[in-house]
PDB file of N, CA and C in Angstrom:
ATOM      1  N   MET A   1      54.948  45.774 143.841  1.00  0.00           N
ATOM      2  CA  MET A   1      55.566  45.562 142.615  1.00  0.00           C
ATOM      3  C   MET A   1      56.507  44.398 142.785  1.00  0.00           C
ATOM      4  N   PHE A   2      56.685  43.657 142.227  1.00  0.00           N
ATOM      5  CA  PHE A   2      57.458  42.514 142.600  1.00  0.00           C
ATOM      6  C   PHE A   2      59.327  43.202 141.974  1.00  0.00           C
ATOM      7  N   TRP A   3      59.982  42.778 142.781  1.00  0.00           N
ATOM      8  CA  TRP A   3      61.526  43.458 142.602  1.00  0.00           C
ATOM      9  C   TRP A   3      62.279  42.538 141.355  1.00  0.00           C
ATOM     10  N   HIS A   4      62.242  43.501 139.904  1.00  0.00           N
ATOM     11  CA  HIS A   4      62.406  43.136 138.440  1.00  0.00           C
ATOM     12  C   HIS A   4      62.166  41.869 138.258  1.00  0.00           C
ATOM     13  N   ASN A   5      60.675  41.399 138.995  1.00  0.00           N
ATOM     14  CA  ASN A   5      60.177  40.014 138.463  1.00  0.00           C
ATOM     15  C   ASN A   5      61.378  38.785 139.223  1.00  0.00           C
ATOM     16  N   MET A   6      61.598  38.935 140.141  1.00  0.00           N
ATOM     17  CA  MET A   6      62.627  37.677 140.585  1.00  0.00           C
ATOM     18  C   MET A   6      61.901  37.096 141.635  1.00  0.00           C
ATOM     19  N   LEU A   7      60.466  37.694 141.826  1.00  0.00           N
ATOM     20  CA  LEU A   7      59.904  36.858 142.970  1.00  0.00           C
ATOM     21  C   LEU A   7      58.700  36.440 143.155  1.00  0.00           C
ATOM     22  N   LYS A   8      58.108  35.101 143.013  1.00  0.00           N
ATOM     23  CA  LYS A   8      57.280  34.598 142.568  1.00  0.00           C
ATOM     24  C   LYS A   8      56.182  35.575 143.407  1.00  0.00           C
ATOM     25  N   GLU A   9      54.765  35.442 142.333  1.00  0.00           N
ATOM     26  CA  GLU A   9      53.510  36.135 142.730  1.00  0.00           C
ATOM     27  C   GLU A   9      52.873  34.824 143.924  1.00  0.00           C
ATOM     28  N   TYR A  10      52.557  35.776 145.220  1.00  0.00           N
ATOM     29  CA  TYR A  10      51.625  34.962 145.970  1.00  0.00           C
ATOM     30  C   TYR A  10      50.462  34.428 145.612  1.00  0.00           C
ATOM     31  N   HIS A  11      50.090  33.345 145.789  1.00  0.00           N
ATOM     32  CA  HIS A  11      48.554  33.077 145.800  1.00  0.00           C
ATOM     33  C   HIS A  11      47.808  32.165 146.263  1.00  0.00           C
ATOM     34  N   LYS A  12      46.624  32.333 146.942  1.00  0.00           N
ATOM     35  CA  LYS A  12      46.024  31.960 148.046  1.00  0.00           C
ATOM     36  C   LYS A  12      45.485  30.259 147.832  1.00  0.00           C
ATOM     37  N   LEU A  13      46.008  29.768 148.908  1.00  0.00           N
ATOM     38  CA  LEU A  13      45.806  28.301 148.798  1.00  0.00           C
ATOM     39  C   LEU A  13      44.084  27.652 148.594  1.00  0.00           C
ATOM     40  N   SER A  14      43.990  26.738 147.545  1.00  0.00           N
ATOM     41  CA  SER A  14      42.589  26.480 147.303  1.00  0.00           C
ATOM     42  C   SER A  14      41.923  25.833 148.890  1.00  0.00           C
ATOM     43  N   GLY A  15      40.470  25.778 148.471  1.00  0.00           N
ATOM     44  CA  GLY A  15      39.910  25.878 149.723  1.00  0.00           C
ATOM     45  C   GLY A  15      39.590  24.015 150.259  1.00  0.00           C
ATOM     46  N   LYS A  16      40.626  23.434 150.044  1.00  0.00           N
ATOM     47  CA  LYS A  16      40.323  21.968 150.102  1.00  0.00           C
ATOM     48  C   LYS A  16      39.591  21.784 151.674  1.00  0.00           C
ATOM     49  N   THR A  17      39.157  20.806 151.485  1.00  0.00           N
ATOM     50  CA  THR A  17      38.501  20.099 152.959  1.00  0.00           C
ATOM     51  C   THR A  17      38.769  18.716 153.144  1.00  0.00           C
ATOM     52  N   TYR A  18      39.294  18.801 154.606  1.00  0.00           N
ATOM     53  CA  TYR A  18      40.193  17.609 154.867  1.00  0.00           C
ATOM     54  C   TYR A  18      39.212  17.030 155.916  1.00  0.00           C
ATOM     55  N   VAL A  19      39.439  16.043 156.064  1.00  0.00           N
ATOM     56  CA  VAL A  19      38.295  15.071 157.303  1.00  0.00           C
ATOM     57  C   VAL A  19      38.956  15.686 158.556  1.00  0.00           C
ATOM     58  N   THR A  20      37.808  15.962 159.224  1.00  0.00           N
ATOM     59  CA  THR A  20      38.434  16.994 160.396  1.00  0.00           C
ATOM     60  C   THR A  20      37.939  15.326 161.859  1.00  0.00           C
ATOM     61  N   TYR A  21      36.898  14.859 161.627  1.00  0.00           N
ATOM     62  CA  TYR A  21      36.645  13.713 162.475  1.00  0.00           C
ATOM     63  C   TYR A  21      36.397  12.760 162.044  1.00  0.00           C
ATOM     64  N   ARG A  22      37.245  11.417 162.225  1.00  0.00           N
ATOM     65  CA  ARG A  22      36.807   9.917 161.626  1.00  0.00           C
ATOM     66  C   ARG A  22      36.511   9.449 162.940  1.00  0.00           C
ATOM     67  N   VAL A  23      35.420   8.414 162.798  1.00  0.00           N
ATOM     68  CA  VAL A  23      35.043   7.915 163.553  1.00  0.00           C
ATOM     69  C   VAL A  23      35.361   6.160 163.222  1.00  0.00           C
ATOM     70  N   VAL A  24      36.001   5.426 164.113  1.00  0.00           N
ATOM     71  CA  VAL A  24      36.739   4.205 163.789  1.00  0.00           C
ATOM     72  C   VAL A  24      36.110   3.436 164.816  1.00  0.00           C
ATOM     73  N   ALA A  25      35.138   2.762 164.713  1.00  0.00           N
ATOM     74  CA  ALA A  25      34.412   1.227 165.213  1.00  0.00           C
ATOM     75  C   ALA A  25      34.591   0.122 164.894  1.00  0.00           C
ATOM     76  N   PRO A  26      35.468  -0.771 165.298  1.00  0.00           N
ATOM     77  CA  PRO A  26      35.464  -1.949 164.829  1.00  0.00           C
ATOM     78  C   PRO A  26      34.379  -2.605 165.820  1.00  0.00           C
ATOM     79  N   GLU A  27      33.977  -3.874 164.923  1.00  0.00           N
ATOM     80  CA  GLU A  27      33.356  -4.897 165.922  1.00  0.00           C
ATOM     81  C   GLU A  27      34.001  -6.098 166.759  1.00  0.00           C
ATOM     82  N   GLY A  28      35.410  -6.194 166.248  1.00  0.00           N
ATOM     83  CA  GLY A  28      35.963  -6.898 167.240  1.00  0.00           C
ATOM     84  C   GLY A  28      37.254  -6.877 167.246  1.00  0.00           C
ATOM     85  N   THR A  29      37.763  -7.511 168.471  1.00  0.00           N
ATOM     86  CA  THR A  29      39.404  -7.507 168.175  1.00  0.00           C
ATOM     87  C   THR A  29      40.150  -8.039 166.671  1.00  0.00           C
ATOM     88  N   LEU A  30      41.347  -7.351 166.330  1.00  0.00           N
ATOM     89  CA  LEU A  30      42.152  -7.692 165.396  1.00  0.00           C
ATOM     90  C   LEU A  30      41.300  -7.778 163.765  1.00  0.00           C
ATOM     91  N   LEU A  31      40.672  -6.925 164.004  1.00  0.00           N
ATOM     92  CA  LEU A  31      39.713  -6.314 162.752  1.00  0.00           C
ATOM     93  C   LEU A  31      40.093  -4.988 161.686  1.00  0.00           C
ATOM     94  N   LEU A  32      40.798  -4.293 162.921  1.00  0.00           N
ATOM     95  CA  LEU A  32      41.536  -3.060 162.363  1.00  0.00           C
ATOM     96  C   LEU A  32      42.356  -2.876 163.449  1.00  0.00           C
ATOM     97  N   LEU A  33      43.623  -2.645 162.105  1.00  0.00           N
ATOM     98  CA  LEU A  33      44.931  -2.510 162.770  1.00  0.00           C
ATOM     99  C   LEU A  33      45.418  -1.020 162.510  1.00  0.00           C
ATOM    100  N   GLU A  34      46.130  -0.268 163.573  1.00  0.00           N
ATOM    101  CA  GLU A  34      46.726   0.899 162.897  1.00  0.00           C
ATOM    102  C   GLU A  34      48.607   0.900 163.576  1.00  0.00           C
ATOM    103  N   MET A  35      48.803   1.341 162.634  1.00  0.00           N
ATOM    104  CA  MET A  35      50.802   1.222 162.697  1.00  0.00           C
ATOM    105  C   MET A  35      51.256   2.768 162.629  1.00  0.00           C
ATOM    106  N   ASP A  36      52.235   2.571 163.186  1.00  0.00           N
ATOM    107  CA  ASP A  36      53.329   4.069 163.079  1.00  0.00           C
ATOM    108  C   ASP A  36      54.349   3.768 163.274  1.00  0.00           C
ATOM    109  N   ILE A  37      54.958   4.306 162.083  1.00  0.00           N
ATOM    110  CA  ILE A  37      56.607   4.300 162.134  1.00  0.00           C
ATOM    111  C   ILE A  37      56.997   5.591 162.560  1.00  0.00           C
ATOM    112  N   LYS A  38      58.131   5.492 163.717  1.00  0.00           N
ATOM    113  CA  LYS A  38      58.998   6.204 164.162  1.00  0.00           C
ATOM    114  C   LYS A  38      60.495   6.365 163.715  1.00  0.00           C
ATOM    115  N   TYR A  39      60.790   7.423 163.395  1.00  0.00           N
ATOM    116  CA  TYR A  39      62.508   7.525 162.845  1.00  0.00           C
ATOM    117  C   TYR A  39      63.431   7.867 164.315  1.00  0.00           C
ATOM    118  N   VAL A  40      63.844   7.287 165.388  1.00  0.00           N
ATOM    119  CA  VAL A  40      64.620   7.849 166.324  1.00  0.00           C
ATOM    120  C   VAL A  40      66.196   7.748 166.358  1.00  0.00           C
ATOM    121  N   TRP A  41      66.564   8.421 167.376  1.00  0.00           N
ATOM    122  CA  TRP A  41      68.255   8.326 167.587  1.00  0.00           C
ATOM    123  C   TRP A  41      68.741   7.558 168.994  1.00  0.00           C
ATOM    124  N   VAL A  42      69.339   6.791 168.606  1.00  0.00           N
ATOM    125  CA  VAL A  42      69.812   5.844 169.787  1.00  0.00           C
ATOM    126  C   VAL A  42      70.797   5.904 170.152  1.00  0.00           C
ATOM    127  N   ALA A  43      71.057   6.869 171.349  1.00  0.00           N
ATOM    128  CA  ALA A  43      72.300   7.361 171.713  1.00  0.00           C
ATOM    129  C   ALA A  43      73.293   6.451 172.353  1.00  0.00           C
ATOM    130  N   SER A  44      72.995   5.205 172.783  1.00  0.00           N
ATOM    131  CA  SER A  44      73.666   4.190 173.290  1.00  0.00           C
ATOM    132  C   SER A  44      75.145   3.843 171.842  1.00  0.00           C
ATOM    133  N   ASP A  45      74.004   3.651 170.882  1.00  0.00           N
ATOM    134  CA  ASP A  45      74.597   2.971 169.565  1.00  0.00           C
ATOM    135  C   ASP A  45      75.242   4.209 168.756  1.00  0.00           C
ATOM    136  N   ARG A  46      74.659   5.267 168.806  1.00  0.00           N
ATOM    137  CA  ARG A  46      75.269   6.091 168.243  1.00  0.00           C
ATOM    138  C   ARG A  46      74.568   6.453 166.938  1.00  0.00           C
ATOM    139  N   ARG A  47      73.582   5.883 166.764  1.00  0.00           N
ATOM    140  CA  ARG A  47      72.750   5.529 165.260  1.00  0.00           C
ATOM    141  C   ARG A  47      71.215   6.297 165.377  1.00  0.00           C
ATOM    142  N   HIS A  48      70.673   5.857 164.095  1.00  0.00           N
ATOM    143  CA  HIS A  48      68.918   6.003 164.280  1.00  0.00           C
ATOM    144  C   HIS A  48      68.731   4.581 163.738  1.00  0.00           C
ATOM    145  N   ALA A  49      67.341   4.556 164.311  1.00  0.00           N
ATOM    146  CA  ALA A  49      66.893   3.132 164.200  1.00  0.00           C
ATOM    147  C   ALA A  49      65.177   3.633 164.103  1.00  0.00           C
ATOM    148  N   TYR A  50      64.319   2.378 163.587  1.00  0.00           N
ATOM    149  CA  TYR A  50      63.230   2.695 162.789  1.00  0.00           C
ATOM    150  C   TYR A  50      62.571   1.731 164.326  1.00  0.00           C
ATOM    151  N   ILE A  51      61.195   2.739 164.447  1.00  0.00           N
ATOM    152  CA  ILE A  51      60.508   1.829 165.774  1.00  0.00           C
ATOM    153  C   ILE A  51      59.254   1.800 164.682  1.00  0.00           C
ATOM    154  N   LEU A  52      58.271   0.351 164.678  1.00  0.00           N
ATOM    155  CA  LEU A  52      57.289   0.001 164.402  1.00  0.00           C
ATOM    156  C   LEU A  52      56.417  -0.286 165.270  1.00  0.00           C
ATOM    157  N   THR A  53      55.216   0.832 165.391  1.00  0.00           N
ATOM    158  CA  THR A  53      54.085  -0.033 166.564  1.00  0.00           C
ATOM    159  C   THR A  53      52.764  -0.148 165.917  1.00  0.00           C
ATOM    160  N   VAL A  54      52.687  -1.396 166.171  1.00  0.00           N
ATOM    161  CA  VAL A  54      50.965  -1.897 165.657  1.00  0.00           C
ATOM    162  C   VAL A  54      49.988  -2.138 166.927  1.00  0.00           C
ATOM    163  N   ILE A  55      48.838  -1.426 166.741  1.00  0.00           N
ATOM    164  CA  ILE A  55      48.029  -1.213 167.939  1.00  0.00           C
ATOM    165  C   ILE A  55      46.782  -1.803 167.399  1.00  0.00           C
ATOM    166  N   ASP A  56      45.856  -2.472 168.188  1.00  0.00           N
ATOM    167  CA  ASP A  56      44.675  -3.227 167.518  1.00  0.00           C
ATOM    168  C   ASP A  56      43.796  -2.223 167.666  1.00  0.00           C
ATOM    169  N   THR A  57      42.597  -1.575 167.426  1.00  0.00           N
ATOM    170  CA  THR A  57      42.032  -0.185 167.520  1.00  0.00           C
ATOM    171  C   THR A  57      41.129  -0.638 168.103  1.00  0.00           C
ATOM    172  N   PHE A  58      40.318  -1.763 168.365  1.00  0.00           N
ATOM    173  CA  PHE A  58      39.173  -2.700 169.285  1.00  0.00           C
ATOM    174  C   PHE A  58      39.547  -2.353 170.820  1.00  0.00           C
ATOM    175  N   ASN A  59      40.529  -3.090 171.203  1.00  0.00           N
ATOM    176  CA  ASN A  59      40.778  -2.625 172.544  1.00  0.00           C
ATOM    177  C   ASN A  59      41.985  -1.947 172.791  1.00  0.00           C
ATOM    178  N   ARG A  60      42.542  -1.202 172.269  1.00  0.00           N
ATOM    179  CA  ARG A  60      43.733  -0.458 172.292  1.00  0.00           C
ATOM    180  C   ARG A  60      44.807  -0.761 172.928  1.00  0.00           C
ATOM    181  N   GLN A  61      45.675  -2.414 172.546  1.00  0.00           N
ATOM    182  CA  GLN A  61      46.559  -2.778 173.104  1.00  0.00           C
ATOM    183  C   GLN A  61      47.723  -2.761 171.652  1.00  0.00           C
ATOM    184  N   ILE A  62      48.704  -2.988 172.312  1.00  0.00           N
ATOM    185  CA  ILE A  62      49.993  -3.001 171.279  1.00  0.00           C
ATOM    186  C   ILE A  62      49.898  -4.177 171.179  1.00  0.00           C
ATOM    187  N   LEU A  63      50.199  -4.614 169.783  1.00  0.00           N
ATOM    188  CA  LEU A  63      50.790  -6.132 169.438  1.00  0.00           C
ATOM    189  C   LEU A  63      52.269  -6.347 169.016  1.00  0.00           C
ATOM    190  N   GLN A  64      52.703  -7.110 169.959  1.00  0.00           N
ATOM    191  CA  GLN A  64      54.142  -7.354 169.615  1.00  0.00           C
ATOM    192  C   GLN A  64      54.352  -8.773 168.993  1.00  0.00           C
TER     193      GLN A  64
END
């Protein structure tokens, strides 16, 4: 029983299916790029900064 009907009823999450394994197989360089954005603290400047990393999936090299 819920206390004076102030608590929301608990319900079970639906059975969603997510991709568990994704096979990425590009046929050559610069055909598939992956990006990642990080938000980091820079202690020397005492402020936050964004870091964008772009990687070539074929040869796993970071692009500059």
